[in-house]
Every structure is written in structure tokens, then in C-alpha cells.
Amino acid sequence: MPTLQGLKLMSVEDADQMSEKENLRLFKKHLGGNLGKMLSMLGFGDSIPVKAEGMYITLSDGRKILDMTGHVGVLVAGHNHPRILEARRKWAERKGLETWKFFPSPYQAALCHNLSLIFPEDLEVVFFCNSGAEANEGAMKLAEKYAGPDRNLIVYTDISFHGKTHATLTVSGSEKHQNHHFHQIDNCVMVKYGDIDDLRRVVEAHKTGKNSSRVGTFIVEAIRTEGVVIPDRDYFKQVRQLCDEYDIVLIFDEIYTGFGRTGKMFAFEHFGVSPDICSFSKAFGGGKATFAAFIARPRIYSKAYPKMNEATLHSTTYNGYGEEIVSALEVLHILNDERLVENSEDMGRYLLSRLQEVKKEFPDIVADVGGIGLLTCIKFKTKGEKLMRLISSAGTEYMEKFVTGAIITTLLKQYNILTFTPPHDSAQLLITPSLIIGKEHIDYFIESLKKVLSGSLWKVGLDYVKKLSES
């Protein structure tokens, strides 16, 4: 094996000078050939992003791309918000301590204090981590430890996504058909989303006493992200009552919806209830920090981990690093100072009204639109005489990919707009832009989408499907 000194290692400057062709070659070799092929087919391999600011990404070919994805909900305040950059710069220049493992951190304490003010009721005990899946893992462990070994059943819903670790995959109903290859933990039970009778049936089927059940935890998304599925308003009030009746820990997953995405600080606020534990990530780091956390009621935490020797029973190496903390502190102030939650509500209402225009204008292509705040989607028809004629040469297995793949490609190549389809439903576009978006961005997106659906979509779509069938 060669020594490190004998290796020709690449530098940041080398990466800066890398060509699009070499970038794609190395990406396919080291980061997954199929992933590289997929990105290339959608047109993402033709150029390299060289700058990102606000609502836009600048590519190496000079084009400015309007980002309507919010990079999967991460960019609550846009790309590289100057205040977040400044907070991180100041921290780096002062050579602040990153790894607060042996000293109580005043910065962590300040952030936790702020979170306790933002969250309702007595949600105030916080654990920091790095990803949504990790936050949900920690939340479920906390709930299971609280409930005890005789109440270790975890209930989840049929349409849900909570992560891709083994435990979070198990409780992700939307992942079942894709991830049947992996072993799943066996103390989990699935119920229908939004169906209080189904949840009550499972709880009562495992009763061990008058107000006792083997069910100890219920993990759920207050609003299902993909498809923007919103349950009846009374559903979560009934869930809260049932959980209180049987002392079941209610976990709300706000990984995607938290910090203003739905027009309120947290999606559960739309239903007038509060969880016992809440997980959050994505927007929490402001697009600069890979940051996540869960917050819990003191009675849950103190019963689950009552002894000093259990203080680190659940822990992680990368727990609340300094630069992540100062980034999140600044994010909360930006949300307040720039009224981004209010903007999400206002612009979300406007975006949905314009999407409804698209549905009305293109009934043969658009099946439905939906949204709350800046969590919006447009669903396309994947069957029908017109589409069947268009794609018969490529095969019906590509119907869903035909529509969305063609739209994503055309919007990017012809109109400089970035969009995406969620992993569990390739017949829809999930539109989750940064909360800084204005009417001018929405208008340009809608008018461009109308042009795509009017004409050039079909040629691009057929080319896309042919590439799929040949791959």
C-alpha cells in the first residue's frame, strides 16, 4: 500500500477546475453508477454549479437556475444567506471550540432555550444530532425506554417516511415496496394514516388492562409531505386523547415540515395539539449545517433516563458542534426578523392558486394539485389515451417517469428552473422552495410550466423514455 506522501491527492483547486465530463466520470465511479446515470439523464450532469445565492444557482455554463426545490426543504432562508455566512465566519475566526464534549456549552444552552420558547407547552429537553433519521431513531429510543419493556410496540402509518436506517425504515410505510430486501425490527405495527378507528383498534387489540396497552409509541407526520396529505382536523385531537388515555408517547416527525414550511412554525400547530416528542432537521441548519434534533417533555426524559449513569445512554460523537449551533441560532432569528413563516403562508396561498390555474388549463395532464404553505405538489395523470399513444413505443412501465422526467428536464434545460419528484411517487412534482420566495419567482415558474405542458414536453419526454428503455 502506498504511503500518503506517495499519493496524488486532489485539492479543492483541482475540483474547481474539473470538467463536466471528468466530474461525471468520477461521480459514476465512486458515488454510484446508476445514480450518476439518473442525474445525467435528467440533465443535471451537463454543467456544474459554481455559485448559489438566494433563490438561484449559477452553473459553469453561465446559466442562473431558479431553485423551486429548496433542496428538499433544507433551504428555509435561501442559498447562502449572508447572516448565516457571517455567523459561521465569526465563529471560525474566533477559533471557537467545536466539540463540546467535556464542558457545558452556553451556545447549546442558548439554542435549547430558544427552542423551548418556540415549541408549545413544556417541550424543552433537547438532544442534538445530524440527520432526520438519527433524530427519529433517538426519539423512538426515548419513547421505548419511557414506556418500558412491557409496552414496546411502536405504531406507524401506511403513508409515511421517517428515514433509511433499519429502525426508521421499519416505521416508514411508504418505503415498504422499495426496501423489502432489508431486515426490519419486529415490534412495529402499521395503521392507516388519518384513521383514528384503525389506531384505536390496534391499541385495544393489545390491551393489558383498563388503560394499559402494549402499544407505547405512535410516530406520525402531522402532514404527510409527499402528496401533501392533510388529515381531518379532528384526527389529531382524537389521537392526542387516545395517547393520553393509554399513556402512549406521541412523536411528531417535523423533519420536512418544521420551521415554517406549512405556513406555521410547525405543522402540528394546524391541528391544535402538541406531541410528547418532536423530531426536526432540514431547515434547522439553514442550508449550511447538517443538523437535527428532537425535543421532549421533561416527564418523558426524566423517566426514561433517571440515573446519572444513563446520562449518555443515547449519545453521538457529532452532537451539537459549535458552528452548527451558531448557524441554527441565526436561522431562528432570520425566521423572525424576515417574517419567513408569514411569507410561507402568503406565498403558499398564491402558489396554490396559480397551480390550480394549471390544473384547470391542462385537465388531460394534471390530475390534482395540493398544498399548505410552501409545501405544494402537482400530480400528473399517467394513464389515458393521449399518453398511451405517446409512449407505446417505449413501454408502459415508464408511464410515470415519462411525465415527470420530461417536465423536470424541460424546465431545467429550456427555462432554467430546478424541480424534483419525491422518491415514493414519480407521478408528482413536490414544490418546496425557500421561504424567501416572491411572487415574481412563482409567476415565472407557473408560466414556464404552462409552456412546457403546452408543447415541447412531448418530444423531450419521448427522448427521455427512450434513454430509460435503453439503460
Foldseek 3Di string as FASTA:
>chain_A
DDDPVPDPDDDPVNVVPDDLVVVLVVCCVPVNVVVSLVCVLLPNSPWAFDDWDFQWTATPVGDTFGEQCCVVQQQQRGPPDVVLVVLLVVCVVVVHFFFPPPHDDPLVVVLLVVVCVQADDQFRAKWKDFAQLLQVVVVLLLQQLLQDPQQNAEEAELCAARDDDQARCQRHNLCCVPPVVDDHDDRYHYFHPQDLVRVVVVQVVQAPDDQEGSHAEYEYECFRQAVRRHHDLCSVVSVVVNCVSNVHFYEYEQANPACQQQLGRGSCVSNVDHGQKYKYFSNLQNNPGSMIMMTGHPVSNCSSQVDPVCPVVPDDRNIRTPSSSSSNVVSVVCCVVVVLNNLLQVVQVVLQVLVVVVCVVCVQFWDDKDGGRLWIKTFTDQDDDVLCVLCVVLDSVCSLVLQQSLLQSCCCPPVSYHWDHDPSGSRMTTGRGHSVDDPVSSVSVSVSSSVCSVDPSSVSSNVSSVSVSVD
